[in-house]
Amino acid sequence: GIPILLTRDKQGEFHAFLNVCRHRGSR
C-alpha cells in the first residue's frame, strides 16, 4: 500500500527505500 524500492548496490548490499523523490514526490 506504500511505494517501496528495493536495490542492490555496487558492493552487493541490499537496501529498501520509499519510492518517492524528495523534491516533489514523484516515483
PDB file of all heavy atoms in Angstrom:
ATOM      1  N   GLY A   1       0.811  -1.212   0.000  1.00  0.00           N
ATOM      2  CA  GLY A   1       0.000   0.000   0.000  1.00  0.00           C
ATOM      3  C   GLY A   1       0.841   1.257   0.000  1.00  0.00           C
ATOM      4  O   GLY A   1       0.306   2.358  -0.109  1.00  0.00           O
ATOM      5  N   ILE A   2       2.161   1.100   0.160  1.00  0.00           N
ATOM      6  CA  ILE A   2       3.064   2.240   0.033  1.00  0.00           C
ATOM      7  C   ILE A   2       4.113   1.883  -1.018  1.00  0.00           C
ATOM      8  O   ILE A   2       4.436   0.705  -1.218  1.00  0.00           O
ATOM      9  CB  ILE A   2       3.735   2.620   1.370  1.00  0.00           C
ATOM     10  CG1 ILE A   2       4.581   1.466   1.906  1.00  0.00           C
ATOM     11  CG2 ILE A   2       2.713   3.043   2.389  1.00  0.00           C
ATOM     12  CD1 ILE A   2       5.402   1.852   3.108  1.00  0.00           C
ATOM     13  N   PRO A   3       4.660   2.887  -1.714  1.00  0.00           N
ATOM     14  CA  PRO A   3       5.634   2.603  -2.776  1.00  0.00           C
ATOM     15  C   PRO A   3       7.012   2.298  -2.201  1.00  0.00           C
ATOM     16  O   PRO A   3       7.581   3.113  -1.466  1.00  0.00           O
ATOM     17  CB  PRO A   3       5.645   3.904  -3.588  1.00  0.00           C
ATOM     18  CG  PRO A   3       5.255   4.963  -2.606  1.00  0.00           C
ATOM     19  CD  PRO A   3       4.309   4.318  -1.630  1.00  0.00           C
ATOM     20  N   ILE A   4       7.537   1.128  -2.519  1.00  0.00           N
ATOM     21  CA  ILE A   4       8.819   0.683  -1.989  1.00  0.00           C
ATOM     22  C   ILE A   4       9.755   0.362  -3.150  1.00  0.00           C
ATOM     23  O   ILE A   4       9.351  -0.240  -4.147  1.00  0.00           O
ATOM     24  CB  ILE A   4       8.645  -0.547  -1.077  1.00  0.00           C
ATOM     25  CG1 ILE A   4       7.804  -0.181   0.155  1.00  0.00           C
ATOM     26  CG2 ILE A   4       9.999  -1.109  -0.644  1.00  0.00           C
ATOM     27  CD1 ILE A   4       7.472  -1.366   1.044  1.00  0.00           C
ATOM     28  N   LEU A   5      11.009   0.755  -3.004  1.00  0.00           N
ATOM     29  CA  LEU A   5      12.061   0.445  -3.969  1.00  0.00           C
ATOM     30  C   LEU A   5      13.111  -0.408  -3.266  1.00  0.00           C
ATOM     31  O   LEU A   5      13.662  -0.004  -2.229  1.00  0.00           O
ATOM     32  CB  LEU A   5      12.695   1.739  -4.493  1.00  0.00           C
ATOM     33  CG  LEU A   5      13.948   1.602  -5.362  1.00  0.00           C
ATOM     34  CD1 LEU A   5      13.652   0.817  -6.641  1.00  0.00           C
ATOM     35  CD2 LEU A   5      14.531   2.976  -5.681  1.00  0.00           C
ATOM     36  N   LEU A   6      13.391  -1.584  -3.810  1.00  0.00           N
ATOM     37  CA  LEU A   6      14.417  -2.478  -3.295  1.00  0.00           C
ATOM     38  C   LEU A   6      15.615  -2.430  -4.239  1.00  0.00           C
ATOM     39  O   LEU A   6      15.446  -2.524  -5.466  1.00  0.00           O
ATOM     40  CB  LEU A   6      13.895  -3.912  -3.202  1.00  0.00           C
ATOM     41  CG  LEU A   6      12.556  -4.124  -2.490  1.00  0.00           C
ATOM     42  CD1 LEU A   6      12.168  -5.599  -2.529  1.00  0.00           C
ATOM     43  CD2 LEU A   6      12.606  -3.619  -1.062  1.00  0.00           C
ATOM     44  N   THR A   7      16.820  -2.295  -3.694  1.00  0.00           N
ATOM     45  CA  THR A   7      18.007  -2.187  -4.536  1.00  0.00           C
ATOM     46  C   THR A   7      19.145  -3.043  -3.995  1.00  0.00           C
ATOM     47  O   THR A   7      19.171  -3.407  -2.815  1.00  0.00           O
ATOM     48  CB  THR A   7      18.513  -0.731  -4.618  1.00  0.00           C
ATOM     49  OG1 THR A   7      19.117  -0.362  -3.368  1.00  0.00           O
ATOM     50  CG2 THR A   7      17.389   0.243  -4.940  1.00  0.00           C
ATOM     51  N   ARG A   8      20.101  -3.335  -4.902  1.00  0.00           N
ATOM     52  CA  ARG A   8      21.371  -3.943  -4.500  1.00  0.00           C
ATOM     53  C   ARG A   8      22.478  -3.029  -5.021  1.00  0.00           C
ATOM     54  O   ARG A   8      22.575  -2.799  -6.237  1.00  0.00           O
ATOM     55  CB  ARG A   8      21.514  -5.359  -5.070  1.00  0.00           C
ATOM     56  CG  ARG A   8      22.690  -6.114  -4.456  1.00  0.00           C
ATOM     57  CD  ARG A   8      22.749  -7.575  -4.894  1.00  0.00           C
ATOM     58  NE  ARG A   8      21.600  -8.364  -4.525  1.00  0.00           N
ATOM     59  CZ  ARG A   8      21.330  -8.812  -3.307  1.00  0.00           C
ATOM     60  NH1 ARG A   8      22.142  -8.520  -2.300  1.00  0.00           N
ATOM     61  NH2 ARG A   8      20.261  -9.548  -3.080  1.00  0.00           N
ATOM     62  N   ASP A   9      23.286  -2.498  -4.129  1.00  0.00           N
ATOM     63  CA  ASP A   9      24.271  -1.502  -4.534  1.00  0.00           C
ATOM     64  C   ASP A   9      25.510  -2.152  -5.153  1.00  0.00           C
ATOM     65  O   ASP A   9      25.588  -3.385  -5.315  1.00  0.00           O
ATOM     66  CB  ASP A   9      24.620  -0.577  -3.370  1.00  0.00           C
ATOM     67  CG  ASP A   9      25.382  -1.290  -2.245  1.00  0.00           C
ATOM     68  OD1 ASP A   9      26.032  -2.331  -2.488  1.00  0.00           O
ATOM     69  OD2 ASP A   9      25.331  -0.785  -1.096  1.00  0.00           O
ATOM     70  N   LYS A  10      26.495  -1.321  -5.494  1.00  0.00           N
ATOM     71  CA  LYS A  10      27.690  -1.811  -6.184  1.00  0.00           C
ATOM     72  C   LYS A  10      28.469  -2.813  -5.352  1.00  0.00           C
ATOM     73  O   LYS A  10      29.191  -3.656  -5.885  1.00  0.00           O
ATOM     74  CB  LYS A  10      28.597  -0.632  -6.544  1.00  0.00           C
ATOM     75  CG  LYS A  10      28.027   0.289  -7.610  1.00  0.00           C
ATOM     76  CD  LYS A  10      28.982   1.437  -7.896  1.00  0.00           C
ATOM     77  CE  LYS A  10      28.411   2.366  -8.958  1.00  0.00           C
ATOM     78  NZ  LYS A  10      29.328   3.519  -9.246  1.00  0.00           N
ATOM     79  N   GLN A  11      28.355  -2.724  -4.042  1.00  0.00           N
ATOM     80  CA  GLN A  11      29.046  -3.659  -3.138  1.00  0.00           C
ATOM     81  C   GLN A  11      28.207  -4.901  -2.845  1.00  0.00           C
ATOM     82  O   GLN A  11      28.610  -5.762  -2.070  1.00  0.00           O
ATOM     83  CB  GLN A  11      29.401  -2.958  -1.825  1.00  0.00           C
ATOM     84  CG  GLN A  11      30.595  -2.010  -1.934  1.00  0.00           C
ATOM     85  CD  GLN A  11      30.293  -0.779  -2.766  1.00  0.00           C
ATOM     86  OE1 GLN A  11      29.245  -0.137  -2.599  1.00  0.00           O
ATOM     87  NE2 GLN A  11      31.193  -0.442  -3.674  1.00  0.00           N
ATOM     88  N   GLY A  12      27.025  -4.984  -3.448  1.00  0.00           N
ATOM     89  CA  GLY A  12      26.165  -6.144  -3.245  1.00  0.00           C
ATOM     90  C   GLY A  12      25.254  -6.053  -2.048  1.00  0.00           C
ATOM     91  O   GLY A  12      24.562  -7.025  -1.719  1.00  0.00           O
ATOM     92  N   GLU A  13      25.206  -4.893  -1.385  1.00  0.00           N
ATOM     93  CA  GLU A  13      24.374  -4.734  -0.194  1.00  0.00           C
ATOM     94  C   GLU A  13      22.932  -4.436  -0.584  1.00  0.00           C
ATOM     95  O   GLU A  13      22.656  -3.719  -1.549  1.00  0.00           O
ATOM     96  CB  GLU A  13      24.912  -3.605   0.686  1.00  0.00           C
ATOM     97  CG  GLU A  13      26.277  -3.882   1.289  1.00  0.00           C
ATOM     98  CD  GLU A  13      26.270  -5.068   2.231  1.00  0.00           C
ATOM     99  OE1 GLU A  13      25.327  -5.156   3.059  1.00  0.00           O
ATOM    100  OE2 GLU A  13      27.183  -5.909   2.139  1.00  0.00           O
ATOM    101  N   PHE A  14      22.020  -4.974   0.205  1.00  0.00           N
ATOM    102  CA  PHE A  14      20.577  -4.809  -0.007  1.00  0.00           C
ATOM    103  C   PHE A  14      20.080  -3.563   0.715  1.00  0.00           C
ATOM    104  O   PHE A  14      20.463  -3.302   1.852  1.00  0.00           O
ATOM    105  CB  PHE A  14      19.852  -6.050   0.502  1.00  0.00           C
ATOM    106  CG  PHE A  14      18.367  -5.904   0.644  1.00  0.00           C
ATOM    107  CD1 PHE A  14      17.576  -5.538  -0.435  1.00  0.00           C
ATOM    108  CD2 PHE A  14      17.739  -6.153   1.864  1.00  0.00           C
ATOM    109  CE1 PHE A  14      16.199  -5.405  -0.304  1.00  0.00           C
ATOM    110  CE2 PHE A  14      16.367  -6.030   2.007  1.00  0.00           C
ATOM    111  CZ  PHE A  14      15.598  -5.647   0.915  1.00  0.00           C
ATOM    112  N   HIS A  15      19.212  -2.795   0.036  1.00  0.00           N
ATOM    113  CA  HIS A  15      18.606  -1.601   0.616  1.00  0.00           C
ATOM    114  C   HIS A  15      17.126  -1.557   0.263  1.00  0.00           C
ATOM    115  O   HIS A  15      16.689  -2.123  -0.743  1.00  0.00           O
ATOM    116  CB  HIS A  15      19.263  -0.322   0.076  1.00  0.00           C
ATOM    117  CG  HIS A  15      20.736  -0.252   0.256  1.00  0.00           C
ATOM    118  ND1 HIS A  15      21.323   0.271   1.387  1.00  0.00           N
ATOM    119  CD2 HIS A  15      21.753  -0.634  -0.552  1.00  0.00           C
ATOM    120  CE1 HIS A  15      22.638   0.219   1.265  1.00  0.00           C
ATOM    121  NE2 HIS A  15      22.929  -0.332   0.097  1.00  0.00           N
ATOM    122  N   ALA A  16      16.366  -0.840   1.082  1.00  0.00           N
ATOM    123  CA  ALA A  16      14.954  -0.568   0.781  1.00  0.00           C
ATOM    124  C   ALA A  16      14.684   0.899   1.065  1.00  0.00           C
ATOM    125  O   ALA A  16      15.177   1.466   2.053  1.00  0.00           O
ATOM    126  CB  ALA A  16      14.038  -1.448   1.623  1.00  0.00           C
ATOM    127  N   PHE A  17      13.894   1.525   0.185  1.00  0.00           N
ATOM    128  CA  PHE A  17      13.574   2.950   0.302  1.00  0.00           C
ATOM    129  C   PHE A  17      12.111   3.164  -0.044  1.00  0.00           C
ATOM    130  O   PHE A  17      11.485   2.332  -0.736  1.00  0.00           O
ATOM    131  CB  PHE A  17      14.415   3.790  -0.675  1.00  0.00           C
ATOM    132  CG  PHE A  17      15.884   3.564  -0.584  1.00  0.00           C
ATOM    133  CD1 PHE A  17      16.521   2.700  -1.467  1.00  0.00           C
ATOM    134  CD2 PHE A  17      16.642   4.204   0.382  1.00  0.00           C
ATOM    135  CE1 PHE A  17      17.884   2.479  -1.395  1.00  0.00           C
ATOM    136  CE2 PHE A  17      18.009   3.988   0.467  1.00  0.00           C
ATOM    137  CZ  PHE A  17      18.628   3.124  -0.420  1.00  0.00           C
ATOM    138  N   LEU A  18      11.574   4.272   0.391  1.00  0.00           N
ATOM    139  CA  LEU A  18      10.322   4.725  -0.173  1.00  0.00           C
ATOM    140  C   LEU A  18      10.596   5.210  -1.595  1.00  0.00           C
ATOM    141  O   LEU A  18      11.550   5.963  -1.840  1.00  0.00           O
ATOM    142  CB  LEU A  18       9.719   5.844   0.678  1.00  0.00           C
ATOM    143  CG  LEU A  18       9.263   5.428   2.072  1.00  0.00           C
ATOM    144  CD1 LEU A  18       8.752   6.634   2.853  1.00  0.00           C
ATOM    145  CD2 LEU A  18       8.187   4.350   1.997  1.00  0.00           C
ATOM    146  N   ASN A  19       9.794   4.758  -2.518  1.00  0.00           N
ATOM    147  CA  ASN A  19       9.967   5.076  -3.939  1.00  0.00           C
ATOM    148  C   ASN A  19       9.350   6.446  -4.219  1.00  0.00           C
ATOM    149  O   ASN A  19       8.385   6.591  -4.962  1.00  0.00           O
ATOM    150  CB  ASN A  19       9.310   3.985  -4.783  1.00  0.00           C
ATOM    151  CG  ASN A  19       9.574   4.135  -6.267  1.00  0.00           C
ATOM    152  OD1 ASN A  19      10.448   4.888  -6.682  1.00  0.00           O
ATOM    153  ND2 ASN A  19       8.798   3.420  -7.070  1.00  0.00           N
ATOM    154  N   VAL A  20       9.944   7.456  -3.599  1.00  0.00           N
ATOM    155  CA  VAL A  20       9.382   8.809  -3.609  1.00  0.00           C
ATOM    156  C   VAL A  20      10.521   9.823  -3.743  1.00  0.00           C
ATOM    157  O   VAL A  20      11.401   9.886  -2.875  1.00  0.00           O
ATOM    158  CB  VAL A  20       8.593   9.090  -2.312  1.00  0.00           C
ATOM    159  CG1 VAL A  20       8.091  10.526  -2.275  1.00  0.00           C
ATOM    160  CG2 VAL A  20       7.431   8.110  -2.170  1.00  0.00           C
ATOM    161  N   CYS A  21      10.503  10.619  -4.799  1.00  0.00           N
ATOM    162  CA  CYS A  21      11.501  11.667  -4.972  1.00  0.00           C
ATOM    163  C   CYS A  21      11.354  12.706  -3.860  1.00  0.00           C
ATOM    164  O   CYS A  21      10.237  13.138  -3.542  1.00  0.00           O
ATOM    165  CB  CYS A  21      11.342  12.328  -6.339  1.00  0.00           C
ATOM    166  SG  CYS A  21      12.523  13.665  -6.641  1.00  0.00           S
ATOM    167  N   ARG A  22      12.476  13.154  -3.307  1.00  0.00           N
ATOM    168  CA  ARG A  22      12.436  14.079  -2.191  1.00  0.00           C
ATOM    169  C   ARG A  22      12.206  15.526  -2.631  1.00  0.00           C
ATOM    170  O   ARG A  22      12.129  16.419  -1.804  1.00  0.00           O
ATOM    171  CB  ARG A  22      13.753  13.981  -1.401  1.00  0.00           C
ATOM    172  CG  ARG A  22      13.954  12.624  -0.716  1.00  0.00           C
ATOM    173  CD  ARG A  22      12.955  12.386   0.403  1.00  0.00           C
ATOM    174  NE  ARG A  22      12.966  13.478   1.348  1.00  0.00           N
ATOM    175  CZ  ARG A  22      13.903  13.663   2.281  1.00  0.00           C
ATOM    176  NH1 ARG A  22      14.917  12.816   2.377  1.00  0.00           N
ATOM    177  NH2 ARG A  22      13.835  14.680   3.102  1.00  0.00           N
ATOM    178  N   HIS A  23      12.050  15.768  -3.941  1.00  0.00           N
ATOM    179  CA  HIS A  23      11.757  17.110  -4.441  1.00  0.00           C
ATOM    180  C   HIS A  23      10.264  17.364  -4.433  1.00  0.00           C
ATOM    181  O   HIS A  23       9.750  18.130  -3.629  1.00  0.00           O
ATOM    182  CB  HIS A  23      12.348  17.265  -5.854  1.00  0.00           C
ATOM    183  CG  HIS A  23      11.996  18.544  -6.539  1.00  0.00           C
ATOM    184  ND1 HIS A  23      11.774  18.610  -7.902  1.00  0.00           N
ATOM    185  CD2 HIS A  23      11.815  19.805  -6.072  1.00  0.00           C
ATOM    186  CE1 HIS A  23      11.489  19.865  -8.233  1.00  0.00           C
ATOM    187  NE2 HIS A  23      11.501  20.601  -7.138  1.00  0.00           N
ATOM    188  N   ARG A  24       9.548  16.661  -5.312  1.00  0.00           N
ATOM    189  CA  ARG A  24       8.101  16.887  -5.430  1.00  0.00           C
ATOM    190  C   ARG A  24       7.280  15.607  -5.254  1.00  0.00           C
ATOM    191  O   ARG A  24       6.072  15.619  -5.486  1.00  0.00           O
ATOM    192  CB  ARG A  24       7.807  17.526  -6.787  1.00  0.00           C
ATOM    193  CG  ARG A  24       8.458  18.898  -6.993  1.00  0.00           C
ATOM    194  CD  ARG A  24       7.628  19.998  -6.385  1.00  0.00           C
ATOM    195  NE  ARG A  24       6.375  20.161  -7.124  1.00  0.00           N
ATOM    196  CZ  ARG A  24       6.261  20.840  -8.272  1.00  0.00           C
ATOM    197  NH1 ARG A  24       7.319  21.423  -8.815  1.00  0.00           N
ATOM    198  NH2 ARG A  24       5.083  20.955  -8.869  1.00  0.00           N
ATOM    199  N   GLY A  25       7.939  14.503  -4.884  1.00  0.00           N
ATOM    200  CA  GLY A  25       7.194  13.306  -4.510  1.00  0.00           C
ATOM    201  C   GLY A  25       6.900  12.322  -5.612  1.00  0.00           C
ATOM    202  O   GLY A  25       6.167  11.356  -5.388  1.00  0.00           O
ATOM    203  N   SER A  26       7.454  12.490  -6.795  1.00  0.00           N
ATOM    204  CA  SER A  26       7.212  11.543  -7.872  1.00  0.00           C
ATOM    205  C   SER A  26       7.908  10.211  -7.602  1.00  0.00           C
ATOM    206  O   SER A  26       8.890  10.147  -6.859  1.00  0.00           O
ATOM    207  CB  SER A  26       7.711  12.127  -9.200  1.00  0.00           C
ATOM    208  OG  SER A  26       7.508  11.231 -10.262  1.00  0.00           O
ATOM    209  N   ARG A  27       7.424   9.154  -8.227  1.00  0.00           N
ATOM    210  CA  ARG A  27       8.098   7.863  -8.173  1.00  0.00           C
ATOM    211  C   ARG A  27       9.396   7.941  -8.983  1.00  0.00           C
ATOM    212  O   ARG A  27       9.417   8.511 -10.080  1.00  0.00           O
ATOM    213  CB  ARG A  27       7.201   6.763  -8.733  1.00  0.00           C
ATOM    214  CG  ARG A  27       5.959   6.501  -7.885  1.00  0.00           C
ATOM    215  CD  ARG A  27       4.940   5.669  -8.651  1.00  0.00           C
ATOM    216  NE  ARG A  27       5.422   4.333  -8.963  1.00  0.00           N
ATOM    217  CZ  ARG A  27       5.270   3.254  -8.180  1.00  0.00           C
ATOM    218  NH1 ARG A  27       4.637   3.380  -7.002  1.00  0.00           N
ATOM    219  NH2 ARG A  27       5.724   2.072  -8.543  1.00  0.00           N
TER     220      ARG A  27
END
